[in-house]
Amino acid sequence: MSSETRTGPADDSVPGDGLVKAGVVVFAIGAVATLVTVAPLLLGTDPFPTVAYLVSMLMGVGFVLAAAGVLRSIAAQRRQARRVRPTA
């Protein structure tokens, strides 16, 4: 039984995990920026400069990054499944 326990840190990361995590962070930054830029429009105050609206575009960039990470993970799992399964 002792041979089955891991002695080092568990490295269960799959290719694409980093892209998904980065995508979530970028998406969150873009979502906050979107809320901040919409608030003055709803409150009737002066709108923010164009740069604030450009930062809110990070929401889409984060979504694309996360989707690319998911696709990379899928591709890695498919390659691993092909290696394990013998072709008949």
C-alpha atoms as a PDB file:
ATOM      1  CA  MET A   1       0.000   0.000   0.000  1.00  0.00           C
ATOM      2  CA  SER A   2       2.808   2.407   0.752  1.00  0.00           C
ATOM      3  CA  SER A   3       3.998   2.181  -2.860  1.00  0.00           C
ATOM      4  CA  GLU A   4       0.705   3.702  -4.003  1.00  0.00           C
ATOM      5  CA  THR A   5       1.028   6.904  -2.011  1.00  0.00           C
ATOM      6  CA  ARG A   6       2.646   9.916  -3.597  1.00  0.00           C
ATOM      7  CA  THR A   7       5.638  11.393  -1.882  1.00  0.00           C
ATOM      8  CA  GLY A   8       5.962  14.561  -3.974  1.00  0.00           C
ATOM      9  CA  PRO A   9       3.509  17.240  -4.948  1.00  0.00           C
ATOM     10  CA  ALA A  10       0.646  16.118  -7.158  1.00  0.00           C
ATOM     11  CA  ASP A  11       1.034  17.476 -10.668  1.00  0.00           C
ATOM     12  CA  ASP A  12      -2.379  16.878 -12.201  1.00  0.00           C
ATOM     13  CA  SER A  13      -2.167  19.804 -14.583  1.00  0.00           C
ATOM     14  CA  VAL A  14      -3.356  19.206 -18.103  1.00  0.00           C
ATOM     15  CA  PRO A  15      -2.194  21.229 -21.106  1.00  0.00           C
ATOM     16  CA  GLY A  16      -4.494  24.219 -21.376  1.00  0.00           C
ATOM     17  CA  ASP A  17      -5.051  24.711 -17.648  1.00  0.00           C
ATOM     18  CA  GLY A  18      -2.883  27.819 -17.637  1.00  0.00           C
ATOM     19  CA  LEU A  19      -4.839  29.323 -20.527  1.00  0.00           C
ATOM     20  CA  VAL A  20      -8.130  28.684 -18.748  1.00  0.00           C
ATOM     21  CA  LYS A  21      -6.882  30.301 -15.529  1.00  0.00           C
ATOM     22  CA  ALA A  22      -5.501  33.301 -17.412  1.00  0.00           C
ATOM     23  CA  GLY A  23      -8.754  33.583 -19.349  1.00  0.00           C
ATOM     24  CA  VAL A  24     -10.784  33.660 -16.147  1.00  0.00           C
ATOM     25  CA  VAL A  25      -8.621  36.455 -14.718  1.00  0.00           C
ATOM     26  CA  VAL A  26      -8.749  38.524 -17.924  1.00  0.00           C
ATOM     27  CA  PHE A  27     -12.505  37.951 -18.211  1.00  0.00           C
ATOM     28  CA  ALA A  28     -13.025  39.117 -14.607  1.00  0.00           C
ATOM     29  CA  ILE A  29     -11.004  42.284 -15.238  1.00  0.00           C
ATOM     30  CA  GLY A  30     -13.079  42.973 -18.337  1.00  0.00           C
ATOM     31  CA  ALA A  31     -16.338  42.320 -16.486  1.00  0.00           C
ATOM     32  CA  VAL A  32     -15.436  44.767 -13.726  1.00  0.00           C
ATOM     33  CA  ALA A  33     -14.403  47.342 -16.330  1.00  0.00           C
ATOM     34  CA  THR A  34     -17.726  46.861 -18.109  1.00  0.00           C
ATOM     35  CA  LEU A  35     -19.678  47.469 -14.900  1.00  0.00           C
ATOM     36  CA  VAL A  36     -17.601  50.561 -14.163  1.00  0.00           C
ATOM     37  CA  THR A  37     -18.091  52.022 -17.643  1.00  0.00           C
ATOM     38  CA  VAL A  38     -21.843  51.377 -17.708  1.00  0.00           C
ATOM     39  CA  ALA A  39     -22.506  52.874 -14.272  1.00  0.00           C
ATOM     40  CA  PRO A  40     -22.063  56.546 -15.305  1.00  0.00           C
ATOM     41  CA  LEU A  41     -24.448  56.021 -18.211  1.00  0.00           C
ATOM     42  CA  LEU A  42     -27.131  54.743 -15.847  1.00  0.00           C
ATOM     43  CA  LEU A  43     -26.452  57.379 -13.202  1.00  0.00           C
ATOM     44  CA  GLY A  44     -26.549  60.295 -15.621  1.00  0.00           C
ATOM     45  CA  THR A  45     -22.971  61.451 -14.981  1.00  0.00           C
ATOM     46  CA  ASP A  46     -20.212  62.120 -17.492  1.00  0.00           C
ATOM     47  CA  PRO A  47     -19.046  58.961 -19.273  1.00  0.00           C
ATOM     48  CA  PHE A  48     -15.506  57.671 -18.910  1.00  0.00           C
ATOM     49  CA  PRO A  49     -12.880  58.188 -21.626  1.00  0.00           C
ATOM     50  CA  THR A  50     -12.511  55.752 -24.514  1.00  0.00           C
ATOM     51  CA  VAL A  51      -9.699  53.873 -22.771  1.00  0.00           C
ATOM     52  CA  ALA A  52     -12.146  52.597 -20.154  1.00  0.00           C
ATOM     53  CA  TYR A  53     -14.342  51.139 -22.887  1.00  0.00           C
ATOM     54  CA  LEU A  54     -11.317  49.500 -24.485  1.00  0.00           C
ATOM     55  CA  VAL A  55     -10.437  47.827 -21.180  1.00  0.00           C
ATOM     56  CA  SER A  56     -13.943  46.393 -21.051  1.00  0.00           C
ATOM     57  CA  MET A  57     -13.126  44.569 -24.300  1.00  0.00           C
ATOM     58  CA  LEU A  58     -10.893  42.300 -22.213  1.00  0.00           C
ATOM     59  CA  MET A  59     -14.014  40.360 -21.335  1.00  0.00           C
ATOM     60  CA  GLY A  60     -14.116  38.922 -24.848  1.00  0.00           C
ATOM     61  CA  VAL A  61     -10.365  38.329 -24.880  1.00  0.00           C
ATOM     62  CA  GLY A  62     -10.639  36.379 -21.629  1.00  0.00           C
ATOM     63  CA  PHE A  63     -13.431  34.264 -23.061  1.00  0.00           C
ATOM     64  CA  VAL A  64     -11.324  33.429 -26.125  1.00  0.00           C
ATOM     65  CA  LEU A  65      -8.313  32.541 -23.935  1.00  0.00           C
ATOM     66  CA  ALA A  66     -10.395  30.213 -21.777  1.00  0.00           C
ATOM     67  CA  ALA A  67     -11.967  28.582 -24.827  1.00  0.00           C
ATOM     68  CA  ALA A  68      -8.515  28.026 -26.349  1.00  0.00           C
ATOM     69  CA  GLY A  69      -7.405  26.387 -23.106  1.00  0.00           C
ATOM     70  CA  VAL A  70     -10.401  24.066 -23.122  1.00  0.00           C
ATOM     71  CA  LEU A  71      -9.743  23.096 -26.745  1.00  0.00           C
ATOM     72  CA  ARG A  72      -6.065  22.447 -25.972  1.00  0.00           C
ATOM     73  CA  SER A  73      -7.068  20.260 -23.036  1.00  0.00           C
ATOM     74  CA  ILE A  74      -9.473  18.300 -25.233  1.00  0.00           C
ATOM     75  CA  ALA A  75      -6.765  17.744 -27.837  1.00  0.00           C
ATOM     76  CA  ALA A  76      -4.306  16.515 -25.195  1.00  0.00           C
ATOM     77  CA  GLN A  77      -6.851  14.092 -23.763  1.00  0.00           C
ATOM     78  CA  ARG A  78      -7.598  12.743 -27.240  1.00  0.00           C
ATOM     79  CA  ARG A  79      -3.895  12.195 -27.931  1.00  0.00           C
ATOM     80  CA  GLN A  80      -3.529  10.388 -24.612  1.00  0.00           C
ATOM     81  CA  ALA A  81      -6.544   8.176 -25.329  1.00  0.00           C
ATOM     82  CA  ARG A  82      -5.132   7.211 -28.741  1.00  0.00           C
ATOM     83  CA  ARG A  83      -1.813   6.213 -27.144  1.00  0.00           C
ATOM     84  CA  VAL A  84      -3.497   4.023 -24.533  1.00  0.00           C
ATOM     85  CA  ARG A  85      -5.987   2.349 -26.844  1.00  0.00           C
ATOM     86  CA  PRO A  86      -4.376  -0.012 -29.339  1.00  0.00           C
ATOM     87  CA  THR A  87      -5.649   0.270 -32.908  1.00  0.00           C
ATOM     88  CA  ALA A  88      -7.206  -2.909 -34.260  1.00  0.00           C
END
